[in-house]
Amino acid sequence: MDEYGQPLGFTAPEIIMCDYQGGLSAKIGDIGTEQVVKNTFWSEFDKAEKGDYILIGESTEADPLTAGADEIMQIIRYADTFERLADDFAILTGV
């Protein structure tokens, strides 16, 4: 972002190890908002943030919107109960 809060562009994409499921269509949200989940990604990737974009598959596009990526709407953190190596995350995209 620049000093006026305008985006300067996107950072280079990262490849992450994950599993995913689409079409859950569950409603989630904070007080006063409602979102419908499009895809849920399960991963140990801890750098994702709300407002980032995530794409299933490969693309040569630098712009995630042009590539068809979905915006991350919510991230839920879970403990790594068995191995205790790294926390697990559910990364949710919405429509």
C-alpha atoms as a PDB file:
ATOM      1  CA  MET A   1       0.000   0.000   0.000  1.00  0.00           C
ATOM      2  CA  ASP A   2       1.127   3.551  -0.630  1.00  0.00           C
ATOM      3  CA  GLU A   3       0.824   6.400   1.889  1.00  0.00           C
ATOM      4  CA  TYR A   4      -2.796   6.947   0.780  1.00  0.00           C
ATOM      5  CA  GLY A   5      -3.797   3.324   1.382  1.00  0.00           C
ATOM      6  CA  GLN A   6      -3.889   2.404  -2.300  1.00  0.00           C
ATOM      7  CA  PRO A   7      -2.500  -0.988  -3.373  1.00  0.00           C
ATOM      8  CA  LEU A   8       0.798  -0.942  -5.236  1.00  0.00           C
ATOM      9  CA  GLY A   9       0.336  -4.419  -6.721  1.00  0.00           C
ATOM     10  CA  PHE A  10       0.715  -8.045  -5.714  1.00  0.00           C
ATOM     11  CA  THR A  11       3.679  -9.945  -4.304  1.00  0.00           C
ATOM     12  CA  ALA A  12       4.966 -13.016  -6.106  1.00  0.00           C
ATOM     13  CA  PRO A  13       2.827 -16.145  -5.597  1.00  0.00           C
ATOM     14  CA  GLU A  14       3.865 -18.875  -3.163  1.00  0.00           C
ATOM     15  CA  ILE A  15       3.242 -22.598  -3.571  1.00  0.00           C
ATOM     16  CA  ILE A  16       1.878 -24.179  -0.395  1.00  0.00           C
ATOM     17  CA  MET A  17       1.205 -27.754   0.664  1.00  0.00           C
ATOM     18  CA  CYS A  18      -2.490 -28.158   1.422  1.00  0.00           C
ATOM     19  CA  ASP A  19      -5.619 -30.181   0.990  1.00  0.00           C
ATOM     20  CA  TYR A  20      -8.902 -28.602  -0.015  1.00  0.00           C
ATOM     21  CA  GLN A  21     -12.639 -29.118  -0.290  1.00  0.00           C
ATOM     22  CA  GLY A  22     -15.093 -27.083  -2.293  1.00  0.00           C
ATOM     23  CA  GLY A  23     -18.798 -26.505  -2.129  1.00  0.00           C
ATOM     24  CA  LEU A  24     -19.394 -26.685   1.622  1.00  0.00           C
ATOM     25  CA  SER A  25     -21.775 -23.708   1.368  1.00  0.00           C
ATOM     26  CA  ALA A  26     -21.772 -23.279   5.142  1.00  0.00           C
ATOM     27  CA  LYS A  27     -22.556 -19.834   6.488  1.00  0.00           C
ATOM     28  CA  ILE A  28     -19.928 -18.272   8.726  1.00  0.00           C
ATOM     29  CA  GLY A  29     -19.305 -14.776   9.926  1.00  0.00           C
ATOM     30  CA  ASP A  30     -18.632 -12.292  12.630  1.00  0.00           C
ATOM     31  CA  ILE A  31     -21.291 -10.181  14.287  1.00  0.00           C
ATOM     32  CA  GLY A  32     -23.217  -8.292  11.626  1.00  0.00           C
ATOM     33  CA  THR A  33     -21.821 -10.107   8.579  1.00  0.00           C
ATOM     34  CA  GLU A  34     -22.632 -13.306   6.743  1.00  0.00           C
ATOM     35  CA  GLN A  35     -20.406 -15.158   4.316  1.00  0.00           C
ATOM     36  CA  VAL A  36     -20.893 -18.296   2.279  1.00  0.00           C
ATOM     37  CA  VAL A  37     -17.820 -20.543   2.097  1.00  0.00           C
ATOM     38  CA  LYS A  38     -16.661 -21.416  -1.408  1.00  0.00           C
ATOM     39  CA  ASN A  39     -13.504 -23.452  -0.650  1.00  0.00           C
ATOM     40  CA  THR A  40     -11.772 -24.636   2.512  1.00  0.00           C
ATOM     41  CA  PHE A  41      -8.021 -25.287   2.454  1.00  0.00           C
ATOM     42  CA  TRP A  42      -6.260 -27.230   5.242  1.00  0.00           C
ATOM     43  CA  SER A  43      -2.592 -26.430   5.613  1.00  0.00           C
ATOM     44  CA  GLU A  44       0.300 -25.767   7.996  1.00  0.00           C
ATOM     45  CA  PHE A  45       1.041 -22.555   6.054  1.00  0.00           C
ATOM     46  CA  ASP A  46       0.985 -19.824   8.702  1.00  0.00           C
ATOM     47  CA  LYS A  47       1.541 -16.721   6.579  1.00  0.00           C
ATOM     48  CA  ALA A  48      -1.898 -16.455   4.959  1.00  0.00           C
ATOM     49  CA  GLU A  49      -3.927 -13.410   5.910  1.00  0.00           C
ATOM     50  CA  LYS A  50      -7.477 -12.227   5.365  1.00  0.00           C
ATOM     51  CA  GLY A  51      -7.539 -10.397   2.028  1.00  0.00           C
ATOM     52  CA  ASP A  52      -4.859 -12.586   0.420  1.00  0.00           C
ATOM     53  CA  TYR A  53      -5.761 -14.667  -2.625  1.00  0.00           C
ATOM     54  CA  ILE A  54      -5.496 -18.432  -3.120  1.00  0.00           C
ATOM     55  CA  LEU A  55      -5.757 -20.486  -6.302  1.00  0.00           C
ATOM     56  CA  ILE A  56      -6.188 -24.195  -6.903  1.00  0.00           C
ATOM     57  CA  GLY A  57      -3.812 -25.257  -9.652  1.00  0.00           C
ATOM     58  CA  GLU A  58      -1.246 -23.352 -11.678  1.00  0.00           C
ATOM     59  CA  SER A  59      -1.256 -20.026 -13.479  1.00  0.00           C
ATOM     60  CA  THR A  60       1.276 -17.810 -15.226  1.00  0.00           C
ATOM     61  CA  GLU A  61      -0.767 -14.676 -14.451  1.00  0.00           C
ATOM     62  CA  ALA A  62       0.843 -12.134 -12.105  1.00  0.00           C
ATOM     63  CA  ASP A  63      -2.581 -10.755 -11.109  1.00  0.00           C
ATOM     64  CA  PRO A  64      -4.499 -13.232  -8.897  1.00  0.00           C
ATOM     65  CA  LEU A  65      -7.847 -11.787  -9.990  1.00  0.00           C
ATOM     66  CA  THR A  66      -7.039 -12.431 -13.649  1.00  0.00           C
ATOM     67  CA  ALA A  67      -5.855 -15.942 -12.706  1.00  0.00           C
ATOM     68  CA  GLY A  68      -9.224 -16.701 -11.073  1.00  0.00           C
ATOM     69  CA  ALA A  69      -7.948 -16.855  -7.473  1.00  0.00           C
ATOM     70  CA  ASP A  70     -10.370 -16.487  -4.571  1.00  0.00           C
ATOM     71  CA  GLU A  71     -10.010 -14.003  -1.720  1.00  0.00           C
ATOM     72  CA  ILE A  72      -9.313 -15.415   1.734  1.00  0.00           C
ATOM     73  CA  MET A  73     -12.193 -14.447   4.006  1.00  0.00           C
ATOM     74  CA  GLN A  74     -11.272 -16.184   7.259  1.00  0.00           C
ATOM     75  CA  ILE A  75      -8.478 -18.244   8.798  1.00  0.00           C
ATOM     76  CA  ILE A  76      -9.026 -20.657  11.680  1.00  0.00           C
ATOM     77  CA  ARG A  77      -6.043 -21.943  13.662  1.00  0.00           C
ATOM     78  CA  TYR A  78      -6.003 -25.470  15.120  1.00  0.00           C
ATOM     79  CA  ALA A  79      -3.447 -27.126  17.391  1.00  0.00           C
ATOM     80  CA  ASP A  80      -1.263 -29.897  16.001  1.00  0.00           C
ATOM     81  CA  THR A  81      -2.620 -32.416  18.478  1.00  0.00           C
ATOM     82  CA  PHE A  82      -0.578 -35.477  17.578  1.00  0.00           C
ATOM     83  CA  GLU A  83       2.815 -34.456  16.220  1.00  0.00           C
ATOM     84  CA  ARG A  84       3.157 -31.072  17.969  1.00  0.00           C
ATOM     85  CA  LEU A  85       5.333 -29.774  15.119  1.00  0.00           C
ATOM     86  CA  ALA A  86       3.249 -27.012  13.528  1.00  0.00           C
ATOM     87  CA  ASP A  87      -0.282 -25.707  13.988  1.00  0.00           C
ATOM     88  CA  ASP A  88      -2.886 -26.481  11.353  1.00  0.00           C
ATOM     89  CA  PHE A  89      -5.018 -23.852   9.613  1.00  0.00           C
ATOM     90  CA  ALA A  90      -8.358 -23.859   7.826  1.00  0.00           C
ATOM     91  CA  ILE A  91      -8.209 -21.150   5.160  1.00  0.00           C
ATOM     92  CA  LEU A  92     -11.687 -20.210   3.941  1.00  0.00           C
ATOM     93  CA  THR A  93     -12.633 -18.408   0.755  1.00  0.00           C
ATOM     94  CA  GLY A  94     -16.079 -16.973   0.188  1.00  0.00           C
ATOM     95  CA  VAL A  95     -18.488 -15.857  -2.459  1.00  0.00           C
END
